[in-house]
């Protein structure tokens, strides 16, 4: 074979070295890809959890607002029902309380 054989063996060694390097790079790529998939999955789980928390807080806020509207309405109704008589009723209640303490 002569010098052609040496060249062929040299080229074969170069190709083998490049194939080995390519295999190592692919293994690193696969490892990084798996880590990215795990991080993405964890982020998706966290996002779903946060969305559920926000939805629960929205529901709680809506409930509190409804209670606030109800209580405000009841207070307004009570104030209307008492009107000026409310002042008199409070004065009488204060007198009765004063008499109870005597």
PDB file of N, CA and C in Angstrom:
ATOM      1  N   UNK A   1       0.822  -1.192   0.000  1.00  0.00           N
ATOM      2  CA  UNK A   1       0.000   0.000   0.000  1.00  0.00           C
ATOM      3  C   UNK A   1       0.864   1.252   0.000  1.00  0.00           C
ATOM      4  N   UNK A   2       1.953   1.220   0.700  1.00  0.00           N
ATOM      5  CA  UNK A   2       2.876   2.334   0.711  1.00  0.00           C
ATOM      6  C   UNK A   2       2.311   3.534   1.431  1.00  0.00           C
ATOM      7  N   UNK A   3       2.607   4.723   0.874  1.00  0.00           N
ATOM      8  CA  UNK A   3       2.175   5.965   1.534  1.00  0.00           C
ATOM      9  C   UNK A   3       0.661   6.119   1.504  1.00  0.00           C
ATOM     10  N   UNK A   4      -0.001   5.525   0.535  1.00  0.00           N
ATOM     11  CA  UNK A   4      -1.465   5.573   0.471  1.00  0.00           C
ATOM     12  C   UNK A   4      -2.083   4.856   1.647  1.00  0.00           C
ATOM     13  N   UNK A   5      -1.463   3.778   2.080  1.00  0.00           N
ATOM     14  CA  UNK A   5      -1.967   3.029   3.229  1.00  0.00           C
ATOM     15  C   UNK A   5      -1.822   3.830   4.509  1.00  0.00           C
ATOM     16  N   UNK A   6      -0.708   4.534   4.625  1.00  0.00           N
ATOM     17  CA  UNK A   6      -0.482   5.375   5.816  1.00  0.00           C
ATOM     18  C   UNK A   6      -1.524   6.482   5.850  1.00  0.00           C
ATOM     19  N   UNK A   7      -1.773   7.087   4.674  1.00  0.00           N
ATOM     20  CA  UNK A   7      -2.777   8.149   4.593  1.00  0.00           C
ATOM     21  C   UNK A   7      -4.156   7.620   4.950  1.00  0.00           C
ATOM     22  N   UNK A   8      -4.485   6.460   4.462  1.00  0.00           N
ATOM     23  CA  UNK A   8      -5.800   5.866   4.739  1.00  0.00           C
ATOM     24  C   UNK A   8      -5.948   5.590   6.227  1.00  0.00           C
ATOM     25  N   UNK A   9      -4.878   5.050   6.855  1.00  0.00           N
ATOM     26  CA  UNK A   9      -4.955   4.797   8.307  1.00  0.00           C
ATOM     27  C   UNK A   9      -5.065   6.109   9.071  1.00  0.00           C
ATOM     28  N   UNK A  10      -4.344   7.123   8.635  1.00  0.00           N
ATOM     29  CA  UNK A  10      -4.398   8.438   9.289  1.00  0.00           C
ATOM     30  C   UNK A  10      -5.793   9.032   9.170  1.00  0.00           C
ATOM     31  N   UNK A  11      -6.389   8.935   7.975  1.00  0.00           N
ATOM     32  CA  UNK A  11      -7.745   9.451   7.778  1.00  0.00           C
ATOM     33  C   UNK A  11      -8.749   8.662   8.612  1.00  0.00           C
ATOM     34  N   UNK A  12      -8.564   7.347   8.685  1.00  0.00           N
ATOM     35  CA  UNK A  12      -9.459   6.508   9.483  1.00  0.00           C
ATOM     36  C   UNK A  12      -9.364   6.893  10.954  1.00  0.00           C
ATOM     37  N   UNK A  13      -8.145   7.158  11.432  1.00  0.00           N
ATOM     38  CA  UNK A  13      -7.953   7.562  12.828  1.00  0.00           C
ATOM     39  C   UNK A  13      -8.616   8.914  13.073  1.00  0.00           C
ATOM     40  N   UNK A  14      -8.482   9.828  12.126  1.00  0.00           N
ATOM     41  CA  UNK A  14      -9.115  11.150  12.255  1.00  0.00           C
ATOM     42  C   UNK A  14     -10.623  11.011  12.291  1.00  0.00           C
ATOM     43  N   UNK A  15     -11.172  10.204  11.399  1.00  0.00           N
ATOM     44  CA  UNK A  15     -12.629   9.987  11.367  1.00  0.00           C
ATOM     45  C   UNK A  15     -13.095   9.341  12.672  1.00  0.00           C
ATOM     46  N   UNK A  16     -12.331   8.388  13.180  1.00  0.00           N
ATOM     47  CA  UNK A  16     -12.696   7.719  14.439  1.00  0.00           C
ATOM     48  C   UNK A  16     -12.673   8.722  15.593  1.00  0.00           C
ATOM     49  N   UNK A  17     -11.649   9.593  15.624  1.00  0.00           N
ATOM     50  CA  UNK A  17     -11.553  10.605  16.678  1.00  0.00           C
ATOM     51  C   UNK A  17     -12.728  11.580  16.579  1.00  0.00           C
ATOM     52  N   UNK A  18     -13.082  11.982  15.370  1.00  0.00           N
ATOM     53  CA  UNK A  18     -14.207  12.893  15.185  1.00  0.00           C
ATOM     54  C   UNK A  18     -15.521  12.224  15.578  1.00  0.00           C
ATOM     55  N   UNK A  19     -15.661  10.943  15.274  1.00  0.00           N
ATOM     56  CA  UNK A  19     -16.868  10.206  15.647  1.00  0.00           C
ATOM     57  C   UNK A  19     -16.984  10.116  17.163  1.00  0.00           C
ATOM     58  N   UNK A  20     -15.838   9.874  17.837  1.00  0.00           N
ATOM     59  CA  UNK A  20     -15.826   9.797  19.302  1.00  0.00           C
ATOM     60  C   UNK A  20     -16.205  11.158  19.893  1.00  0.00           C
ATOM     61  N   UNK A  21     -15.659  12.242  19.349  1.00  0.00           N
ATOM     62  CA  UNK A  21     -15.964  13.592  19.824  1.00  0.00           C
ATOM     63  C   UNK A  21     -17.437  13.920  19.590  1.00  0.00           C
ATOM     64  N   UNK A  22     -17.944  13.517  18.429  1.00  0.00           N
ATOM     65  CA  UNK A  22     -19.354  13.743  18.118  1.00  0.00           C
ATOM     66  C   UNK A  22     -20.255  12.983  19.095  1.00  0.00           C
ATOM     67  N   UNK A  23     -19.879  11.767  19.434  1.00  0.00           N
ATOM     68  CA  UNK A  23     -20.653  10.967  20.394  1.00  0.00           C
ATOM     69  C   UNK A  23     -20.658  11.636  21.765  1.00  0.00           C
ATOM     70  N   UNK A  24     -19.502  12.178  22.181  1.00  0.00           N
ATOM     71  CA  UNK A  24     -19.430  12.873  23.479  1.00  0.00           C
ATOM     72  C   UNK A  24     -20.292  14.134  23.457  1.00  0.00           C
ATOM     73  N   UNK A  25     -20.243  14.880  22.371  1.00  0.00           N
ATOM     74  CA  UNK A  25     -21.064  16.085  22.248  1.00  0.00           C
ATOM     75  C   UNK A  25     -22.550  15.746  22.279  1.00  0.00           C
ATOM     76  N   UNK A  26     -22.929  14.667  21.608  1.00  0.00           N
ATOM     77  CA  UNK A  26     -24.325  14.242  21.610  1.00  0.00           C
ATOM     78  C   UNK A  26     -24.766  13.852  23.023  1.00  0.00           C
ATOM     79  N   UNK A  27     -23.882  13.154  23.745  1.00  0.00           N
ATOM     80  CA  UNK A  27     -24.208  12.761  25.120  1.00  0.00           C
ATOM     81  C   UNK A  27     -24.397  14.007  25.989  1.00  0.00           C
ATOM     82  N   UNK A  28     -23.522  15.009  25.829  1.00  0.00           N
ATOM     83  CA  UNK A  28     -23.674  16.259  26.592  1.00  0.00           C
ATOM     84  C   UNK A  28     -24.975  16.951  26.213  1.00  0.00           C
ATOM     85  N   UNK A  29     -25.262  17.008  24.916  1.00  0.00           N
ATOM     86  CA  UNK A  29     -26.495  17.622  24.441  1.00  0.00           C
ATOM     87  C   UNK A  29     -27.708  16.919  25.047  1.00  0.00           C
ATOM     88  N   UNK A  30     -27.692  15.600  25.044  1.00  0.00           N
ATOM     89  CA  UNK A  30     -28.816  14.827  25.590  1.00  0.00           C
ATOM     90  C   UNK A  30     -28.997  15.119  27.071  1.00  0.00           C
ATOM     91  N   UNK A  31     -27.884  15.205  27.796  1.00  0.00           N
ATOM     92  CA  UNK A  31     -27.946  15.490  29.228  1.00  0.00           C
ATOM     93  C   UNK A  31     -28.526  16.885  29.484  1.00  0.00           C
ATOM     94  N   UNK A  32     -28.036  17.866  28.732  1.00  0.00           N
ATOM     95  CA  UNK A  32     -28.546  19.227  28.879  1.00  0.00           C
ATOM     96  C   UNK A  32     -30.015  19.296  28.486  1.00  0.00           C
ATOM     97  N   UNK A  33     -30.377  18.595  27.444  1.00  0.00           N
ATOM     98  CA  UNK A  33     -31.762  18.569  26.989  1.00  0.00           C
ATOM     99  C   UNK A  33     -32.678  17.978  28.062  1.00  0.00           C
ATOM    100  N   UNK A  34     -32.242  16.892  28.712  1.00  0.00           N
ATOM    101  CA  UNK A  34     -33.048  16.283  29.782  1.00  0.00           C
ATOM    102  C   UNK A  34     -33.194  17.258  30.953  1.00  0.00           C
ATOM    103  N   UNK A  35     -32.106  17.961  31.300  1.00  0.00           N
ATOM    104  CA  UNK A  35     -32.190  18.933  32.399  1.00  0.00           C
ATOM    105  C   UNK A  35     -33.162  20.052  32.049  1.00  0.00           C
ATOM    106  N   UNK A  36     -33.122  20.519  30.812  1.00  0.00           N
ATOM    107  CA  UNK A  36     -34.049  21.568  30.384  1.00  0.00           C
ATOM    108  C   UNK A  36     -35.497  21.088  30.449  1.00  0.00           C
ATOM    109  N   UNK A  37     -35.731  19.844  30.052  1.00  0.00           N
ATOM    110  CA  UNK A  37     -37.088  19.295  30.130  1.00  0.00           C
ATOM    111  C   UNK A  37     -37.570  19.249  31.575  1.00  0.00           C
ATOM    112  N   UNK A  38     -36.676  18.840  32.500  1.00  0.00           N
ATOM    113  CA  UNK A  38     -37.059  18.780  33.917  1.00  0.00           C
ATOM    114  C   UNK A  38     -37.346  20.173  34.462  1.00  0.00           C
ATOM    115  N   UNK A  39     -36.507  21.140  34.099  1.00  0.00           N
ATOM    116  CA  UNK A  39     -36.714  22.515  34.559  1.00  0.00           C
ATOM    117  C   UNK A  39     -38.024  23.068  33.987  1.00  0.00           C
ATOM    118  N   UNK A  40     -38.282  22.793  32.720  1.00  0.00           N
ATOM    119  CA  UNK A  40     -39.517  23.249  32.085  1.00  0.00           C
ATOM    120  C   UNK A  40     -40.725  22.624  32.758  1.00  0.00           C
ATOM    121  N   UNK A  41     -40.638  21.343  33.058  1.00  0.00           N
ATOM    122  CA  UNK A  41     -41.743  20.654  33.731  1.00  0.00           C
ATOM    123  C   UNK A  41     -41.973  21.238  35.122  1.00  0.00           C
ATOM    124  N   UNK A  42     -40.894  21.480  35.858  1.00  0.00           N
ATOM    125  CA  UNK A  42     -41.017  22.065  37.200  1.00  0.00           C
ATOM    126  C   UNK A  42     -41.625  23.464  37.122  1.00  0.00           C
ATOM    127  N   UNK A  43     -41.205  24.232  36.122  1.00  0.00           N
ATOM    128  CA  UNK A  43     -41.758  25.580  35.955  1.00  0.00           C
ATOM    129  C   UNK A  43     -43.250  25.514  35.620  1.00  0.00           C
ATOM    130  N   UNK A  44     -43.644  24.555  34.815  1.00  0.00           N
ATOM    131  CA  UNK A  44     -45.060  24.403  34.462  1.00  0.00           C
ATOM    132  C   UNK A  44     -45.880  24.021  35.693  1.00  0.00           C
ATOM    133  N   UNK A  45     -45.348  23.137  36.513  1.00  0.00           N
ATOM    134  CA  UNK A  45     -46.042  22.741  37.755  1.00  0.00           C
ATOM    135  C   UNK A  45     -46.192  23.952  38.666  1.00  0.00           C
ATOM    136  N   UNK A  46     -45.124  24.720  38.816  1.00  0.00           N
ATOM    137  CA  UNK A  46     -45.150  25.924  39.653  1.00  0.00           C
ATOM    138  C   UNK A  46     -46.157  26.936  39.113  1.00  0.00           C
ATOM    139  N   UNK A  47     -46.185  27.097  37.804  1.00  0.00           N
ATOM    140  CA  UNK A  47     -47.127  28.041  37.187  1.00  0.00           C
ATOM    141  C   UNK A  47     -48.568  27.616  37.443  1.00  0.00           C
ATOM    142  N   UNK A  48     -48.840  26.308  37.316  1.00  0.00           N
ATOM    143  CA  UNK A  48     -50.204  25.815  37.586  1.00  0.00           C
ATOM    144  C   UNK A  48     -50.570  26.036  39.046  1.00  0.00           C
ATOM    145  N   UNK A  49     -49.622  25.799  39.934  1.00  0.00           N
ATOM    146  CA  UNK A  49     -49.866  26.003  41.363  1.00  0.00           C
ATOM    147  C   UNK A  49     -50.166  27.473  41.655  1.00  0.00           C
ATOM    148  N   UNK A  50     -49.372  28.354  41.057  1.00  0.00           N
ATOM    149  CA  UNK A  50     -49.594  29.784  41.266  1.00  0.00           C
ATOM    150  C   UNK A  50     -50.944  30.213  40.693  1.00  0.00           C
ATOM    151  N   UNK A  51     -51.308  29.675  39.558  1.00  0.00           N
ATOM    152  CA  UNK A  51     -52.600  30.014  38.948  1.00  0.00           C
ATOM    153  C   UNK A  51     -53.748  29.561  39.851  1.00  0.00           C
ATOM    154  N   UNK A  52     -53.609  28.387  40.441  1.00  0.00           N
ATOM    155  CA  UNK A  52     -54.643  27.889  41.360  1.00  0.00           C
ATOM    156  C   UNK A  52     -54.742  28.780  42.592  1.00  0.00           C
ATOM    157  N   UNK A  53     -53.588  29.215  43.104  1.00  0.00           N
ATOM    158  CA  UNK A  53     -53.573  30.100  44.276  1.00  0.00           C
ATOM    159  C   UNK A  53     -54.253  31.422  43.945  1.00  0.00           C
ATOM    160  N   UNK A  54     -53.933  31.989  42.800  1.00  0.00           N
ATOM    161  CA  UNK A  54     -54.533  33.260  42.390  1.00  0.00           C
ATOM    162  C   UNK A  54     -56.041  33.095  42.210  1.00  0.00           C
ATOM    163  N   UNK A  55     -56.468  31.990  41.623  1.00  0.00           N
ATOM    164  CA  UNK A  55     -57.905  31.748  41.438  1.00  0.00           C
ATOM    165  C   UNK A  55     -58.614  31.655  42.786  1.00  0.00           C
ATOM    166  N   UNK A  56     -57.976  30.977  43.746  1.00  0.00           N
ATOM    167  CA  UNK A  56     -58.570  30.858  45.082  1.00  0.00           C
ATOM    168  C   UNK A  56     -58.650  32.237  45.749  1.00  0.00           C
ATOM    169  N   UNK A  57     -57.612  33.042  45.582  1.00  0.00           N
ATOM    170  CA  UNK A  57     -57.623  34.381  46.164  1.00  0.00           C
ATOM    171  C   UNK A  57     -58.674  35.255  45.494  1.00  0.00           C
ATOM    172  N   UNK A  58     -58.844  35.104  44.190  1.00  0.00           N
ATOM    173  CA  UNK A  58     -59.888  35.856  43.484  1.00  0.00           C
ATOM    174  C   UNK A  58     -61.267  35.490  44.019  1.00  0.00           C
ATOM    175  N   UNK A  59     -61.470  34.192  44.251  1.00  0.00           N
ATOM    176  CA  UNK A  59     -62.755  33.733  44.791  1.00  0.00           C
ATOM    177  C   UNK A  59     -62.975  34.308  46.185  1.00  0.00           C
ATOM    178  N   UNK A  60     -61.930  34.264  47.012  1.00  0.00           N
ATOM    179  CA  UNK A  60     -62.033  34.805  48.375  1.00  0.00           C
ATOM    180  C   UNK A  60     -62.321  36.303  48.347  1.00  0.00           C
ATOM    181  N   UNK A  61     -61.645  37.020  47.453  1.00  0.00           N
ATOM    182  CA  UNK A  61     -61.859  38.458  47.329  1.00  0.00           C
ATOM    183  C   UNK A  61     -63.291  38.756  46.893  1.00  0.00           C
ATOM    184  N   UNK A  62     -63.803  37.996  45.948  1.00  0.00           N
ATOM    185  CA  UNK A  62     -65.180  38.189  45.493  1.00  0.00           C
ATOM    186  C   UNK A  62     -66.165  37.941  46.639  1.00  0.00           C
ATOM    187  N   UNK A  63     -65.898  36.923  47.440  1.00  0.00           N
ATOM    188  CA  UNK A  63     -66.754  36.618  48.591  1.00  0.00           C
ATOM    189  C   UNK A  63     -66.728  37.761  49.593  1.00  0.00           C
ATOM    190  N   UNK A  64     -65.526  38.274  49.886  1.00  0.00           N
ATOM    191  CA  UNK A  64     -65.402  39.380  50.833  1.00  0.00           C
ATOM    192  C   UNK A  64     -66.094  40.640  50.315  1.00  0.00           C
ATOM    193  N   UNK A  65     -65.984  40.883  49.022  1.00  0.00           N
ATOM    194  CA  UNK A  65     -66.664  42.056  48.448  1.00  0.00           C
ATOM    195  C   UNK A  65     -68.175  41.913  48.553  1.00  0.00           C
ATOM    196  N   UNK A  66     -68.669  40.696  48.298  1.00  0.00           N
ATOM    197  CA  UNK A  66     -70.115  40.458  48.410  1.00  0.00           C
ATOM    198  C   UNK A  66     -70.576  40.662  49.852  1.00  0.00           C
ATOM    199  N   UNK A  67     -69.810  40.152  50.812  1.00  0.00           N
ATOM    200  CA  UNK A  67     -70.161  40.349  52.230  1.00  0.00           C
ATOM    201  C   UNK A  67     -70.144  41.828  52.585  1.00  0.00           C
ATOM    202  N   UNK A  68     -69.150  42.540  52.067  1.00  0.00           N
ATOM    203  CA  UNK A  68     -69.041  43.975  52.344  1.00  0.00           C
ATOM    204  C   UNK A  68     -70.257  44.722  51.796  1.00  0.00           C
ATOM    205  N   UNK A  69     -70.671  44.390  50.559  1.00  0.00           N
ATOM    206  CA  UNK A  69     -71.853  45.033  49.976  1.00  0.00           C
ATOM    207  C   UNK A  69     -73.097  44.736  50.816  1.00  0.00           C
ATOM    208  N   UNK A  70     -73.229  43.471  51.251  1.00  0.00           N
ATOM    209  CA  UNK A  70     -74.383  43.068  52.061  1.00  0.00           C
ATOM    210  C   UNK A  70     -74.410  43.846  53.381  1.00  0.00           C
ATOM    211  N   UNK A  71     -73.269  43.894  54.057  1.00  0.00           N
ATOM    212  CA  UNK A  71     -73.219  44.590  55.347  1.00  0.00           C
ATOM    213  C   UNK A  71     -73.457  46.094  55.188  1.00  0.00           C
ATOM    214  N   UNK A  72     -72.923  46.672  54.119  1.00  0.00           N
ATOM    215  CA  UNK A  72     -73.150  48.102  53.871  1.00  0.00           C
ATOM    216  C   UNK A  72     -74.639  48.371  53.641  1.00  0.00           C
ATOM    217  N   UNK A  73     -75.275  47.488  52.859  1.00  0.00           N
ATOM    218  CA  UNK A  73     -76.709  47.627  52.593  1.00  0.00           C
ATOM    219  C   UNK A  73     -77.506  47.511  53.894  1.00  0.00           C
ATOM    220  N   UNK A  74     -77.151  46.527  54.712  1.00  0.00           N
ATOM    221  CA  UNK A  74     -77.857  46.341  55.995  1.00  0.00           C
ATOM    222  C   UNK A  74     -77.668  47.553  56.905  1.00  0.00           C
ATOM    223  N   UNK A  75     -76.469  48.126  56.932  1.00  0.00           N
ATOM    224  CA  UNK A  75     -76.216  49.310  57.767  1.00  0.00           C
ATOM    225  C   UNK A  75     -77.056  50.489  57.278  1.00  0.00           C
ATOM    226  N   UNK A  76     -77.099  50.674  55.944  1.00  0.00           N
ATOM    227  CA  UNK A  76     -77.890  51.766  55.383  1.00  0.00           C
ATOM    228  C   UNK A  76     -79.368  51.584  55.703  1.00  0.00           C
ATOM    229  N   UNK A  77     -79.849  50.334  55.603  1.00  0.00           N
ATOM    230  CA  UNK A  77     -81.252  50.057  55.938  1.00  0.00           C
ATOM    231  C   UNK A  77     -81.528  50.358  57.403  1.00  0.00           C
ATOM    232  N   UNK A  78     -80.597  49.970  58.261  1.00  0.00           N
ATOM    233  CA  UNK A  78     -80.773  50.213  59.695  1.00  0.00           C
ATOM    234  C   UNK A  78     -80.770  51.711  59.986  1.00  0.00           C
ATOM    235  N   UNK A  79     -79.860  52.447  59.329  1.00  0.00           N
ATOM    236  CA  UNK A  79     -79.802  53.895  59.548  1.00  0.00           C
ATOM    237  C   UNK A  79     -81.087  54.561  59.067  1.00  0.00           C
ATOM    238  N   UNK A  80     -81.621  54.100  57.930  1.00  0.00           N
ATOM    239  CA  UNK A  80     -82.877  54.656  57.424  1.00  0.00           C
ATOM    240  C   UNK A  80     -84.026  54.338  58.374  1.00  0.00           C
ATOM    241  N   UNK A  81     -84.043  53.116  58.880  1.00  0.00           N
ATOM    242  CA  UNK A  81     -85.125  52.708  59.789  1.00  0.00           C
ATOM    243  C   UNK A  81     -85.072  53.514  61.077  1.00  0.00           C
ATOM    244  N   UNK A  82     -83.877  53.790  61.554  1.00  0.00           N
ATOM    245  CA  UNK A  82     -83.748  54.552  62.803  1.00  0.00           C
ATOM    246  C   UNK A  82     -84.043  56.029  62.567  1.00  0.00           C
ATOM    247  N   UNK A  83     -83.497  56.562  61.484  1.00  0.00           N
ATOM    248  CA  UNK A  83     -83.704  57.979  61.184  1.00  0.00           C
ATOM    249  C   UNK A  83     -83.382  58.832  62.388  1.00  0.00           C
ATOM    250  N   UNK A  84     -84.194  59.844  62.632  1.00  0.00           N
ATOM    251  CA  UNK A  84     -83.972  60.707  63.800  1.00  0.00           C
ATOM    252  C   UNK A  84     -84.330  59.966  65.077  1.00  0.00           C
ATOM    253  N   UNK A  85     -85.212  58.965  64.942  1.00  0.00           N
ATOM    254  CA  UNK A  85     -85.571  58.169  66.111  1.00  0.00           C
ATOM    255  C   UNK A  85     -84.378  57.411  66.654  1.00  0.00           C
ATOM    256  N   UNK A  86     -83.399  57.186  65.831  1.00  0.00           N
ATOM    257  CA  UNK A  86     -82.195  56.485  66.266  1.00  0.00           C
ATOM    258  C   UNK A  86     -81.439  57.273  67.310  1.00  0.00           C
ATOM    259  N   UNK A  87     -81.402  58.582  67.116  1.00  0.00           N
ATOM    260  CA  UNK A  87     -80.716  59.438  68.098  1.00  0.00           C
ATOM    261  C   UNK A  87     -81.452  59.346  69.426  1.00  0.00           C
ATOM    262  N   UNK A  88     -82.799  59.422  69.363  1.00  0.00           N
ATOM    263  CA  UNK A  88     -83.600  59.320  70.583  1.00  0.00           C
ATOM    264  C   UNK A  88     -83.410  57.958  71.239  1.00  0.00           C
ATOM    265  N   UNK A  89     -83.369  56.891  70.424  1.00  0.00           N
ATOM    266  CA  UNK A  89     -83.216  55.553  70.988  1.00  0.00           C
ATOM    267  C   UNK A  89     -81.861  55.410  71.672  1.00  0.00           C
ATOM    268  N   UNK A  90     -80.832  55.987  71.072  1.00  0.00           N
ATOM    269  CA  UNK A  90     -79.506  55.904  71.691  1.00  0.00           C
ATOM    270  C   UNK A  90     -79.478  56.692  73.002  1.00  0.00           C
ATOM    271  N   UNK A  91     -80.134  57.831  73.023  1.00  0.00           N
ATOM    272  CA  UNK A  91     -80.188  58.641  74.248  1.00  0.00           C
ATOM    273  C   UNK A  91     -80.927  57.880  75.339  1.00  0.00           C
ATOM    274  N   UNK A  92     -82.051  57.233  74.958  1.00  0.00           N
ATOM    275  CA  UNK A  92     -82.798  56.450  75.939  1.00  0.00           C
ATOM    276  C   UNK A  92     -81.974  55.272  76.439  1.00  0.00           C
ATOM    277  N   UNK A  93     -81.259  54.621  75.539  1.00  0.00           N
ATOM    278  CA  UNK A  93     -80.415  53.491  75.931  1.00  0.00           C
ATOM    279  C   UNK A  93     -79.338  53.954  76.891  1.00  0.00           C
ATOM    280  N   UNK A  94     -78.793  55.144  76.655  1.00  0.00           N
ATOM    281  CA  UNK A  94     -77.774  55.679  77.560  1.00  0.00           C
ATOM    282  C   UNK A  94     -78.378  55.958  78.931  1.00  0.00           C
ATOM    283  N   UNK A  95     -79.621  56.506  78.958  1.00  0.00           N
ATOM    284  CA  UNK A  95     -80.301  56.775  80.237  1.00  0.00           C
ATOM    285  C   UNK A  95     -80.541  55.468  80.993  1.00  0.00           C
ATOM    286  N   UNK A  96     -81.027  54.444  80.275  1.00  0.00           N
ATOM    287  CA  UNK A  96     -81.305  53.148  80.907  1.00  0.00           C
ATOM    288  C   UNK A  96     -80.011  52.557  81.439  1.00  0.00           C
ATOM    289  N   UNK A  97     -78.955  52.665  80.676  1.00  0.00           N
ATOM    290  CA  UNK A  97     -77.676  52.135  81.121  1.00  0.00           C
ATOM    291  C   UNK A  97     -77.200  52.886  82.347  1.00  0.00           C
ATOM    292  N   UNK A  98     -77.421  54.188  82.369  1.00  0.00           N
ATOM    293  CA  UNK A  98     -77.022  54.994  83.542  1.00  0.00           C
ATOM    294  C   UNK A  98     -77.826  54.586  84.750  1.00  0.00           C
ATOM    295  N   UNK A  99     -79.126  54.357  84.556  1.00  0.00           N
ATOM    296  CA  UNK A  99     -79.985  53.948  85.670  1.00  0.00           C
ATOM    297  C   UNK A  99     -79.585  52.552  86.178  1.00  0.00           C
ATOM    298  N   UNK A 100     -79.193  51.681  85.284  1.00  0.00           N
ATOM    299  CA  UNK A 100     -78.779  50.322  85.680  1.00  0.00           C
ATOM    300  C   UNK A 100     -77.532  50.366  86.536  1.00  0.00           C
ATOM    301  N   UNK A 101     -76.668  51.346  86.280  1.00  0.00           N
ATOM    302  CA  UNK A 101     -75.423  51.424  87.062  1.00  0.00           C
ATOM    303  C   UNK A 101     -75.628  52.082  88.395  1.00  0.00           C
ATOM    304  N   UNK A 102     -76.762  52.834  88.583  1.00  0.00           N
ATOM    305  CA  UNK A 102     -77.012  53.502  89.869  1.00  0.00           C
ATOM    306  C   UNK A 102     -77.460  52.559  90.940  1.00  0.00           C
TER     307      UNK A 102
END
